[in-house]
Amino acid sequence: MAKSTITTGALGVAEDSDANYMGSGAANAHGQSKKVRVKKTATRASSKLPPNPFIFEVLELANKQRTVQGRVDVLREYRDDSLVSVLIWNFDDTVVSLIPEGQVPYEKNEVPVGTDHTSMRREHRNLYHFIKGGNDSLSSIRRETMFIQMLEGLHPKEADIICLVKDHLLHLQYPKINKEIVSKAYPDISWGGRS
């Protein structure tokens, strides 16, 4: 006899009601009704990310959390030097960006994910070129060219994040992530004195 699984939500019944077994209306060879087992399904979304997630995946997951502790836990679980660097650049008022404010004229990398993108996990080592006190010997033209080249190699969502971070505007895309949450997630960050 084949078994069928139906969720209680699809049937519109409570899980502890007598409807856990239902006759299908069709009788088998012995004159008995078929019984269908009703199975409860989980409604919670998966909170696991793939290994080495993009920064935008971590920030989106943290931003979806309903509680402050949930956001802190996600940031702690997926801690990475690149994520910490980006959050410091955004939330530390003493970090001064040497890239002009506003829109950056670059072409987004539209190739499929995983084929021709670099990630902030590799590129975060070069962020010092774009802040005051990092590499002041670069000309502004060379610095802006390097910035555009970095953005064009990144996944489009990571490039968007870097464009927001350079202007300290990450809260526009991720309003539930702020300096207080970052400080709770990473208490070892010393804020201030960076420029």
N, C-alpha and C. Protein backbone atom coordinates (compact mmCIF):
# COMPACT_ATOMS: atom_id res chain seq x y z
N MET A 1 0.85 -1.17 0.00
CA MET A 1 0.00 0.00 0.00
C MET A 1 0.90 1.24 0.00
N ALA A 2 0.67 2.19 -0.86
CA ALA A 2 1.47 3.41 -0.95
C ALA A 2 1.03 4.37 0.13
N LYS A 3 2.02 5.07 0.72
CA LYS A 3 1.72 6.06 1.75
C LYS A 3 1.87 7.44 1.15
N SER A 4 1.05 8.36 1.57
CA SER A 4 1.09 9.72 1.10
C SER A 4 1.25 10.63 2.30
N THR A 5 2.04 11.68 2.16
CA THR A 5 2.24 12.62 3.25
C THR A 5 1.58 13.94 2.89
N ILE A 6 0.75 14.44 3.81
CA ILE A 6 0.05 15.70 3.61
C ILE A 6 0.31 16.54 4.85
N THR A 7 0.60 17.81 4.67
CA THR A 7 0.85 18.67 5.82
C THR A 7 -0.46 19.11 6.45
N THR A 8 -0.40 19.40 7.75
CA THR A 8 -1.60 19.85 8.44
C THR A 8 -2.03 21.22 7.95
N GLY A 9 -1.05 22.04 7.55
CA GLY A 9 -1.39 23.36 7.03
C GLY A 9 -2.19 23.28 5.75
N ALA A 10 -1.87 22.32 4.90
CA ALA A 10 -2.59 22.16 3.64
C ALA A 10 -4.01 21.69 3.88
N LEU A 11 -4.21 20.94 4.98
CA LEU A 11 -5.55 20.42 5.28
C LEU A 11 -6.38 21.40 6.09
N GLY A 12 -5.70 22.36 6.74
CA GLY A 12 -6.42 23.31 7.58
C GLY A 12 -6.89 22.71 8.88
N VAL A 13 -6.14 21.74 9.44
CA VAL A 13 -6.52 21.13 10.70
C VAL A 13 -5.40 21.29 11.70
N ALA A 14 -5.74 21.23 12.96
CA ALA A 14 -4.74 21.29 14.03
C ALA A 14 -4.01 19.96 14.08
N GLU A 15 -2.73 20.00 14.50
CA GLU A 15 -1.94 18.78 14.45
C GLU A 15 -2.37 17.74 15.49
N ASP A 16 -3.07 18.14 16.55
CA ASP A 16 -3.48 17.15 17.55
C ASP A 16 -4.94 16.72 17.38
N SER A 17 -5.56 17.09 16.26
CA SER A 17 -6.97 16.72 16.06
C SER A 17 -7.09 15.27 15.60
N ASP A 18 -8.31 14.78 15.49
CA ASP A 18 -8.57 13.42 15.06
C ASP A 18 -8.34 13.24 13.56
N ALA A 19 -7.99 14.30 12.87
CA ALA A 19 -7.81 14.22 11.42
C ALA A 19 -6.43 13.73 11.03
N ASN A 20 -5.63 13.27 12.00
CA ASN A 20 -4.30 12.78 11.67
C ASN A 20 -4.36 11.57 10.76
N TYR A 21 -5.41 10.81 10.82
CA TYR A 21 -5.60 9.70 9.88
C TYR A 21 -6.93 9.94 9.19
N MET A 22 -6.89 9.90 7.87
CA MET A 22 -8.12 10.16 7.13
C MET A 22 -8.34 9.05 6.12
N GLY A 23 -9.56 8.71 5.92
CA GLY A 23 -9.88 7.75 4.87
C GLY A 23 -9.85 8.46 3.52
N SER A 24 -9.34 7.81 2.52
CA SER A 24 -9.26 8.45 1.21
C SER A 24 -10.55 8.28 0.42
N GLY A 25 -11.43 7.48 0.92
CA GLY A 25 -12.68 7.27 0.20
C GLY A 25 -12.64 6.02 -0.66
N ALA A 26 -11.46 5.61 -1.06
CA ALA A 26 -11.34 4.42 -1.89
C ALA A 26 -11.03 3.22 -0.99
N ALA A 27 -11.67 2.12 -1.26
CA ALA A 27 -11.44 0.92 -0.44
C ALA A 27 -10.43 0.03 -1.14
N ASN A 28 -9.64 -0.68 -0.32
CA ASN A 28 -8.68 -1.61 -0.92
C ASN A 28 -9.36 -2.96 -1.13
N ALA A 29 -8.59 -3.99 -1.44
CA ALA A 29 -9.15 -5.31 -1.76
C ALA A 29 -9.88 -5.94 -0.58
N HIS A 30 -9.58 -5.52 0.64
CA HIS A 30 -10.21 -6.10 1.82
C HIS A 30 -11.39 -5.27 2.31
N GLY A 31 -11.76 -4.22 1.56
CA GLY A 31 -12.91 -3.42 1.94
C GLY A 31 -12.58 -2.35 2.96
N GLN A 32 -11.30 -2.12 3.25
CA GLN A 32 -10.92 -1.12 4.24
C GLN A 32 -10.49 0.17 3.53
N SER A 33 -10.69 1.27 4.21
CA SER A 33 -10.27 2.56 3.66
C SER A 33 -8.75 2.70 3.80
N LYS A 34 -8.14 3.40 2.86
CA LYS A 34 -6.72 3.72 2.96
C LYS A 34 -6.53 4.79 4.01
N LYS A 35 -5.44 4.70 4.74
CA LYS A 35 -5.14 5.71 5.76
C LYS A 35 -3.98 6.57 5.27
N VAL A 36 -4.12 7.86 5.48
CA VAL A 36 -3.09 8.81 5.08
C VAL A 36 -2.51 9.41 6.35
N ARG A 37 -1.20 9.35 6.46
CA ARG A 37 -0.51 9.90 7.63
C ARG A 37 -0.25 11.38 7.38
N VAL A 38 -0.65 12.21 8.33
CA VAL A 38 -0.44 13.65 8.23
C VAL A 38 0.85 13.98 8.96
N LYS A 39 1.75 14.68 8.29
CA LYS A 39 3.06 14.98 8.86
C LYS A 39 3.20 16.49 9.06
N LYS A 40 3.70 16.89 10.22
CA LYS A 40 3.93 18.29 10.53
C LYS A 40 5.19 18.76 9.80
N THR A 41 5.14 19.95 9.19
CA THR A 41 6.32 20.49 8.51
C THR A 41 6.84 21.70 9.27
N ALA A 42 8.13 21.93 9.14
CA ALA A 42 8.75 23.08 9.78
C ALA A 42 8.50 24.32 8.93
N THR A 43 8.20 25.45 9.58
CA THR A 43 7.95 26.68 8.85
C THR A 43 9.13 27.63 8.94
N ARG A 44 10.15 27.29 9.71
CA ARG A 44 11.31 28.15 9.87
C ARG A 44 12.21 28.08 8.64
N ALA A 45 12.68 29.22 8.21
CA ALA A 45 13.60 29.25 7.07
C ALA A 45 14.98 28.77 7.52
N SER A 46 15.71 28.23 6.59
CA SER A 46 17.06 27.75 6.88
C SER A 46 17.96 28.93 7.22
N SER A 47 18.74 28.80 8.28
CA SER A 47 19.62 29.88 8.68
C SER A 47 21.08 29.52 8.46
N LYS A 48 21.32 28.50 7.69
CA LYS A 48 22.70 28.10 7.39
C LYS A 48 23.10 28.62 6.02
N LEU A 49 24.30 29.11 5.96
CA LEU A 49 24.86 29.59 4.71
C LEU A 49 25.90 28.59 4.22
N PRO A 50 26.23 28.64 2.95
CA PRO A 50 27.28 27.74 2.46
C PRO A 50 28.63 28.12 3.07
N PRO A 51 29.61 27.23 2.98
CA PRO A 51 30.94 27.59 3.48
C PRO A 51 31.48 28.81 2.73
N ASN A 52 32.21 29.64 3.41
CA ASN A 52 32.79 30.86 2.82
C ASN A 52 31.75 31.72 2.10
N PRO A 53 30.72 32.16 2.82
CA PRO A 53 29.67 32.94 2.16
C PRO A 53 30.15 34.32 1.75
N PHE A 54 29.47 34.90 0.77
CA PHE A 54 29.72 36.28 0.41
C PHE A 54 29.29 37.17 1.58
N ILE A 55 29.84 38.39 1.64
CA ILE A 55 29.48 39.32 2.70
C ILE A 55 28.00 39.65 2.65
N PHE A 56 27.46 39.83 1.45
CA PHE A 56 26.04 40.19 1.36
C PHE A 56 25.16 39.08 1.91
N GLU A 57 25.57 37.82 1.78
CA GLU A 57 24.76 36.72 2.32
C GLU A 57 24.73 36.79 3.84
N VAL A 58 25.85 37.08 4.46
CA VAL A 58 25.92 37.18 5.92
C VAL A 58 25.09 38.37 6.39
N LEU A 59 25.25 39.51 5.73
CA LEU A 59 24.51 40.70 6.15
C LEU A 59 23.00 40.54 5.93
N GLU A 60 22.61 39.90 4.84
CA GLU A 60 21.18 39.67 4.60
C GLU A 60 20.59 38.75 5.67
N LEU A 61 21.32 37.68 6.01
CA LEU A 61 20.84 36.76 7.04
C LEU A 61 20.76 37.46 8.39
N ALA A 62 21.77 38.24 8.73
CA ALA A 62 21.75 38.97 10.01
C ALA A 62 20.61 39.98 10.03
N ASN A 63 20.38 40.65 8.93
CA ASN A 63 19.33 41.66 8.86
C ASN A 63 17.94 41.04 8.96
N LYS A 64 17.78 39.78 8.57
CA LYS A 64 16.48 39.10 8.63
C LYS A 64 16.12 38.65 10.05
N GLN A 65 17.11 38.56 10.93
CA GLN A 65 16.85 38.08 12.28
C GLN A 65 15.94 39.06 13.02
N ARG A 66 15.05 38.51 13.83
CA ARG A 66 14.07 39.34 14.53
C ARG A 66 14.60 39.95 15.82
N THR A 67 15.62 39.32 16.39
CA THR A 67 16.15 39.81 17.67
C THR A 67 17.57 40.31 17.50
N VAL A 68 17.96 41.18 18.43
CA VAL A 68 19.34 41.68 18.44
C VAL A 68 20.30 40.51 18.64
N GLN A 69 19.96 39.61 19.56
CA GLN A 69 20.84 38.47 19.82
C GLN A 69 20.96 37.57 18.60
N GLY A 70 19.90 37.43 17.83
CA GLY A 70 19.96 36.66 16.59
C GLY A 70 20.93 37.27 15.60
N ARG A 71 20.91 38.60 15.48
CA ARG A 71 21.84 39.29 14.57
C ARG A 71 23.28 39.12 15.04
N VAL A 72 23.47 39.27 16.33
CA VAL A 72 24.81 39.11 16.91
C VAL A 72 25.32 37.70 16.67
N ASP A 73 24.47 36.71 16.87
CA ASP A 73 24.87 35.31 16.68
C ASP A 73 25.27 35.03 15.24
N VAL A 74 24.53 35.58 14.28
CA VAL A 74 24.86 35.37 12.86
C VAL A 74 26.20 36.01 12.55
N LEU A 75 26.42 37.24 13.02
CA LEU A 75 27.70 37.90 12.75
C LEU A 75 28.86 37.15 13.38
N ARG A 76 28.65 36.60 14.58
CA ARG A 76 29.72 35.82 15.23
C ARG A 76 30.00 34.53 14.48
N GLU A 77 28.93 33.84 14.07
CA GLU A 77 29.11 32.55 13.41
C GLU A 77 29.88 32.66 12.10
N TYR A 78 29.63 33.75 11.37
CA TYR A 78 30.25 33.90 10.05
C TYR A 78 31.35 34.97 10.06
N ARG A 79 31.99 35.15 11.20
CA ARG A 79 33.06 36.13 11.31
C ARG A 79 34.17 35.81 10.31
N ASP A 80 34.64 36.87 9.69
CA ASP A 80 35.73 36.76 8.73
C ASP A 80 36.43 38.12 8.71
N ASP A 81 37.72 38.13 8.44
CA ASP A 81 38.46 39.39 8.42
C ASP A 81 37.86 40.39 7.43
N SER A 82 37.38 39.89 6.30
CA SER A 82 36.80 40.79 5.31
C SER A 82 35.51 41.44 5.83
N LEU A 83 34.68 40.67 6.50
CA LEU A 83 33.44 41.21 7.06
C LEU A 83 33.75 42.23 8.14
N VAL A 84 34.69 41.91 9.01
CA VAL A 84 35.06 42.83 10.09
C VAL A 84 35.63 44.13 9.50
N SER A 85 36.48 44.01 8.48
CA SER A 85 37.07 45.20 7.84
C SER A 85 35.99 46.11 7.25
N VAL A 86 35.03 45.52 6.57
CA VAL A 86 33.96 46.29 5.96
C VAL A 86 33.11 46.97 7.03
N LEU A 87 32.81 46.25 8.10
CA LEU A 87 31.99 46.83 9.18
C LEU A 87 32.74 47.95 9.91
N ILE A 88 34.03 47.79 10.10
CA ILE A 88 34.82 48.86 10.72
C ILE A 88 34.82 50.09 9.82
N TRP A 89 35.07 49.88 8.52
CA TRP A 89 35.09 51.01 7.59
C TRP A 89 33.76 51.75 7.64
N ASN A 90 32.67 51.03 7.74
CA ASN A 90 31.37 51.68 7.74
C ASN A 90 31.03 52.37 9.06
N PHE A 91 31.28 51.71 10.18
CA PHE A 91 30.77 52.21 11.46
C PHE A 91 31.78 53.01 12.28
N ASP A 92 33.06 52.98 11.95
CA ASP A 92 34.05 53.76 12.69
C ASP A 92 34.13 55.16 12.08
N ASP A 93 33.76 56.16 12.87
CA ASP A 93 33.74 57.54 12.36
C ASP A 93 35.12 58.08 12.04
N THR A 94 36.16 57.47 12.59
CA THR A 94 37.51 57.97 12.32
C THR A 94 38.10 57.43 11.02
N VAL A 95 37.44 56.49 10.38
CA VAL A 95 37.89 55.99 9.08
C VAL A 95 37.39 56.97 8.02
N VAL A 96 38.34 57.59 7.33
CA VAL A 96 38.00 58.58 6.30
C VAL A 96 38.27 57.98 4.94
N SER A 97 37.24 57.93 4.12
CA SER A 97 37.35 57.37 2.78
C SER A 97 38.00 58.39 1.86
N LEU A 98 38.93 57.94 1.04
CA LEU A 98 39.57 58.81 0.05
C LEU A 98 38.93 58.69 -1.32
N ILE A 99 37.86 57.91 -1.42
CA ILE A 99 37.09 57.79 -2.66
C ILE A 99 35.97 58.83 -2.60
N PRO A 100 35.77 59.59 -3.68
CA PRO A 100 34.72 60.63 -3.64
C PRO A 100 33.35 60.03 -3.31
N GLU A 101 32.55 60.81 -2.59
CA GLU A 101 31.20 60.37 -2.23
C GLU A 101 30.32 60.28 -3.48
N GLY A 102 29.28 59.48 -3.36
CA GLY A 102 28.30 59.37 -4.43
C GLY A 102 28.48 58.12 -5.28
N GLN A 103 27.77 58.11 -6.41
CA GLN A 103 27.78 56.96 -7.32
C GLN A 103 29.18 56.74 -7.90
N VAL A 104 29.50 55.47 -8.08
CA VAL A 104 30.78 55.09 -8.68
C VAL A 104 30.50 54.60 -10.10
N PRO A 105 31.18 55.16 -11.10
CA PRO A 105 30.94 54.74 -12.49
C PRO A 105 31.69 53.45 -12.82
N TYR A 106 31.05 52.33 -12.59
CA TYR A 106 31.67 51.04 -12.91
C TYR A 106 30.64 50.14 -13.57
N GLU A 107 31.13 49.13 -14.29
CA GLU A 107 30.25 48.17 -14.94
C GLU A 107 30.13 46.94 -14.04
N LYS A 108 28.91 46.58 -13.70
CA LYS A 108 28.68 45.43 -12.83
C LYS A 108 29.09 44.14 -13.52
N ASN A 109 29.63 43.23 -12.74
CA ASN A 109 30.05 41.93 -13.23
C ASN A 109 28.82 41.04 -13.28
N GLU A 110 28.29 40.81 -14.46
CA GLU A 110 27.03 40.09 -14.62
C GLU A 110 27.18 38.61 -14.94
N VAL A 111 28.38 38.07 -14.84
CA VAL A 111 28.56 36.64 -15.12
C VAL A 111 27.95 35.82 -13.99
N PRO A 112 27.58 34.57 -14.24
CA PRO A 112 26.97 33.75 -13.20
C PRO A 112 27.86 33.59 -11.97
N VAL A 113 27.22 33.47 -10.83
CA VAL A 113 27.94 33.34 -9.56
C VAL A 113 28.87 32.14 -9.60
N GLY A 114 30.07 32.34 -9.13
CA GLY A 114 31.03 31.24 -9.03
C GLY A 114 31.89 31.05 -10.25
N THR A 115 31.67 31.83 -11.31
CA THR A 115 32.46 31.62 -12.52
C THR A 115 33.60 32.62 -12.66
N ASP A 116 33.32 33.89 -12.55
CA ASP A 116 34.37 34.87 -12.80
C ASP A 116 34.33 36.01 -11.78
N HIS A 117 33.93 35.73 -10.57
CA HIS A 117 33.90 36.76 -9.54
C HIS A 117 35.07 36.57 -8.58
N THR A 118 35.55 37.67 -8.08
CA THR A 118 36.42 37.60 -6.92
C THR A 118 35.50 37.92 -5.74
N SER A 119 36.01 37.86 -4.53
CA SER A 119 35.16 38.17 -3.39
C SER A 119 35.91 39.06 -2.42
N MET A 120 35.19 39.63 -1.49
CA MET A 120 35.83 40.48 -0.49
C MET A 120 36.76 39.67 0.40
N ARG A 121 36.57 38.36 0.46
CA ARG A 121 37.49 37.53 1.23
C ARG A 121 38.92 37.64 0.68
N ARG A 122 39.04 37.88 -0.62
CA ARG A 122 40.37 38.07 -1.23
C ARG A 122 40.74 39.54 -1.33
N GLU A 123 39.77 40.37 -1.63
CA GLU A 123 40.04 41.78 -1.92
C GLU A 123 40.16 42.65 -0.67
N HIS A 124 39.75 42.18 0.50
CA HIS A 124 39.78 43.04 1.68
C HIS A 124 41.19 43.49 2.04
N ARG A 125 42.19 42.74 1.59
CA ARG A 125 43.58 43.11 1.88
C ARG A 125 43.98 44.42 1.18
N ASN A 126 43.22 44.81 0.18
CA ASN A 126 43.53 46.03 -0.57
C ASN A 126 42.72 47.24 -0.13
N LEU A 127 41.86 47.09 0.85
CA LEU A 127 41.00 48.19 1.26
C LEU A 127 41.79 49.37 1.84
N TYR A 128 42.97 49.11 2.36
CA TYR A 128 43.76 50.19 2.96
C TYR A 128 44.13 51.26 1.93
N HIS A 129 44.15 50.92 0.66
CA HIS A 129 44.46 51.90 -0.38
C HIS A 129 43.40 53.00 -0.46
N PHE A 130 42.19 52.71 0.03
CA PHE A 130 41.07 53.61 -0.20
C PHE A 130 40.68 54.43 1.02
N ILE A 131 41.48 54.35 2.09
CA ILE A 131 41.17 55.14 3.29
C ILE A 131 42.38 56.00 3.68
N LYS A 132 42.11 57.08 4.37
CA LYS A 132 43.16 58.00 4.80
C LYS A 132 44.10 57.29 5.77
N GLY A 133 45.38 57.44 5.53
CA GLY A 133 46.38 56.80 6.38
C GLY A 133 46.80 55.43 5.90
N GLY A 134 46.17 54.93 4.87
CA GLY A 134 46.48 53.59 4.35
C GLY A 134 47.65 53.62 3.39
N ASN A 135 47.46 54.24 2.24
CA ASN A 135 48.52 54.38 1.24
C ASN A 135 48.38 55.76 0.64
N ASP A 136 48.88 56.74 1.36
CA ASP A 136 48.72 58.13 0.95
C ASP A 136 49.59 58.49 -0.26
N SER A 137 50.52 57.62 -0.65
CA SER A 137 51.40 57.93 -1.78
C SER A 137 50.72 57.74 -3.14
N LEU A 138 49.56 57.08 -3.18
CA LEU A 138 48.83 56.89 -4.44
C LEU A 138 48.21 58.20 -4.90
N SER A 139 48.24 58.42 -6.20
CA SER A 139 47.52 59.57 -6.73
C SER A 139 46.02 59.26 -6.68
N SER A 140 45.20 60.29 -6.68
CA SER A 140 43.76 60.06 -6.58
C SER A 140 43.23 59.34 -7.82
N ILE A 141 43.82 59.61 -8.99
CA ILE A 141 43.38 58.92 -10.21
C ILE A 141 43.68 57.43 -10.11
N ARG A 142 44.88 57.09 -9.66
CA ARG A 142 45.27 55.67 -9.53
C ARG A 142 44.39 54.98 -8.50
N ARG A 143 44.13 55.64 -7.38
CA ARG A 143 43.30 55.07 -6.31
C ARG A 143 41.89 54.79 -6.82
N GLU A 144 41.30 55.74 -7.52
CA GLU A 144 39.93 55.57 -8.03
C GLU A 144 39.89 54.49 -9.11
N THR A 145 40.93 54.39 -9.93
CA THR A 145 40.99 53.33 -10.93
C THR A 145 41.06 51.96 -10.27
N MET A 146 41.88 51.83 -9.23
CA MET A 146 41.97 50.56 -8.50
C MET A 146 40.63 50.20 -7.87
N PHE A 147 39.94 51.21 -7.33
CA PHE A 147 38.64 50.98 -6.69
C PHE A 147 37.63 50.46 -7.72
N ILE A 148 37.58 51.10 -8.87
CA ILE A 148 36.64 50.68 -9.93
C ILE A 148 36.98 49.27 -10.40
N GLN A 149 38.28 48.97 -10.58
CA GLN A 149 38.67 47.63 -11.02
C GLN A 149 38.27 46.57 -9.98
N MET A 150 38.40 46.90 -8.69
CA MET A 150 38.00 45.97 -7.65
C MET A 150 36.48 45.73 -7.72
N LEU A 151 35.71 46.81 -7.85
CA LEU A 151 34.25 46.68 -7.91
C LEU A 151 33.81 45.85 -9.11
N GLU A 152 34.46 46.04 -10.24
CA GLU A 152 34.08 45.31 -11.45
C GLU A 152 34.36 43.82 -11.36
N GLY A 153 35.27 43.42 -10.48
CA GLY A 153 35.57 42.00 -10.31
C GLY A 153 34.70 41.33 -9.26
N LEU A 154 34.06 42.12 -8.40
CA LEU A 154 33.24 41.57 -7.32
C LEU A 154 31.85 41.17 -7.80
N HIS A 155 31.21 40.30 -7.02
CA HIS A 155 29.80 40.01 -7.22
C HIS A 155 29.05 41.34 -7.11
N PRO A 156 28.03 41.59 -7.94
CA PRO A 156 27.35 42.89 -7.93
C PRO A 156 26.82 43.31 -6.55
N LYS A 157 26.34 42.37 -5.76
CA LYS A 157 25.82 42.74 -4.44
C LYS A 157 26.95 43.13 -3.49
N GLU A 158 28.10 42.48 -3.59
CA GLU A 158 29.24 42.87 -2.76
C GLU A 158 29.76 44.23 -3.21
N ALA A 159 29.77 44.49 -4.51
CA ALA A 159 30.20 45.80 -5.01
C ALA A 159 29.28 46.90 -4.49
N ASP A 160 27.97 46.63 -4.46
CA ASP A 160 27.02 47.61 -3.94
C ASP A 160 27.29 47.89 -2.47
N ILE A 161 27.62 46.86 -1.71
CA ILE A 161 27.93 47.04 -0.30
C ILE A 161 29.15 47.93 -0.13
N ILE A 162 30.20 47.70 -0.91
CA ILE A 162 31.42 48.52 -0.80
C ILE A 162 31.13 49.96 -1.17
N CYS A 163 30.28 50.18 -2.15
CA CYS A 163 29.89 51.55 -2.52
C CYS A 163 29.15 52.25 -1.38
N LEU A 164 28.33 51.52 -0.66
CA LEU A 164 27.64 52.09 0.50
C LEU A 164 28.61 52.33 1.65
N VAL A 165 29.50 51.38 1.86
CA VAL A 165 30.43 51.46 2.99
C VAL A 165 31.38 52.65 2.85
N LYS A 166 31.83 52.94 1.65
CA LYS A 166 32.77 54.05 1.46
C LYS A 166 32.16 55.37 1.90
N ASP A 167 30.84 55.47 1.86
CA ASP A 167 30.13 56.67 2.29
C ASP A 167 29.48 56.52 3.68
N HIS A 168 29.79 55.41 4.38
CA HIS A 168 29.22 55.11 5.71
C HIS A 168 27.69 55.02 5.65
N LEU A 169 27.16 54.37 4.64
CA LEU A 169 25.71 54.29 4.42
C LEU A 169 25.17 52.87 4.39
N LEU A 170 25.84 51.93 5.03
CA LEU A 170 25.40 50.54 5.02
C LEU A 170 24.00 50.38 5.61
N HIS A 171 23.64 51.27 6.53
CA HIS A 171 22.32 51.19 7.17
C HIS A 171 21.17 51.39 6.19
N LEU A 172 21.43 51.97 5.03
CA LEU A 172 20.37 52.14 4.05
C LEU A 172 19.90 50.80 3.48
N GLN A 173 20.83 49.86 3.33
CA GLN A 173 20.47 48.55 2.80
C GLN A 173 20.19 47.54 3.90
N TYR A 174 20.86 47.70 5.04
CA TYR A 174 20.69 46.76 6.16
C TYR A 174 20.37 47.57 7.42
N PRO A 175 19.12 48.01 7.55
CA PRO A 175 18.77 48.92 8.65
C PRO A 175 18.86 48.30 10.05
N LYS A 176 18.84 46.98 10.15
CA LYS A 176 18.88 46.35 11.47
C LYS A 176 20.30 46.07 11.95
N ILE A 177 21.29 46.42 11.14
CA ILE A 177 22.69 46.22 11.54
C ILE A 177 23.28 47.60 11.82
N ASN A 178 23.71 47.79 13.06
CA ASN A 178 24.27 49.07 13.46
C ASN A 178 25.54 48.86 14.29
N LYS A 179 26.14 49.95 14.72
CA LYS A 179 27.41 49.88 15.45
C LYS A 179 27.26 49.12 16.76
N GLU A 180 26.12 49.28 17.42
CA GLU A 180 25.87 48.58 18.69
C GLU A 180 25.89 47.06 18.49
N ILE A 181 25.24 46.59 17.46
CA ILE A 181 25.20 45.14 17.18
C ILE A 181 26.58 44.63 16.80
N VAL A 182 27.30 45.39 15.98
CA VAL A 182 28.66 44.99 15.60
C VAL A 182 29.57 44.95 16.83
N SER A 183 29.41 45.92 17.73
CA SER A 183 30.22 45.93 18.96
C SER A 183 29.91 44.73 19.85
N LYS A 184 28.66 44.31 19.91
CA LYS A 184 28.31 43.12 20.69
C LYS A 184 28.84 41.85 20.05
N ALA A 185 28.79 41.80 18.73
CA ALA A 185 29.26 40.61 18.02
C ALA A 185 30.78 40.49 18.07
N TYR A 186 31.45 41.63 17.97
CA TYR A 186 32.92 41.64 17.94
C TYR A 186 33.45 42.60 19.01
N PRO A 187 33.44 42.18 20.27
CA PRO A 187 33.88 43.08 21.35
C PRO A 187 35.38 43.40 21.29
N ASP A 188 36.14 42.67 20.49
CA ASP A 188 37.57 42.92 20.38
C ASP A 188 37.91 44.10 19.47
N ILE A 189 36.94 44.67 18.76
CA ILE A 189 37.19 45.83 17.91
C ILE A 189 37.38 47.04 18.79
N SER A 190 38.48 47.74 18.57
CA SER A 190 38.68 49.02 19.27
C SER A 190 38.32 50.12 18.30
N TRP A 191 37.30 50.91 18.65
CA TRP A 191 36.77 51.93 17.77
C TRP A 191 37.58 53.21 17.94
N GLY A 192 37.77 53.94 16.86
CA GLY A 192 38.44 55.23 16.89
C GLY A 192 39.94 55.14 16.65
N GLY A 193 40.53 56.30 16.36
CA GLY A 193 41.97 56.41 16.19
C GLY A 193 42.52 55.73 14.95
N ARG A 194 41.77 55.72 13.88
CA ARG A 194 42.22 55.00 12.68
C ARG A 194 42.77 55.91 11.60
N SER A 195 42.53 57.20 11.63
CA SER A 195 43.04 58.08 10.56
C SER A 195 44.13 58.99 11.06
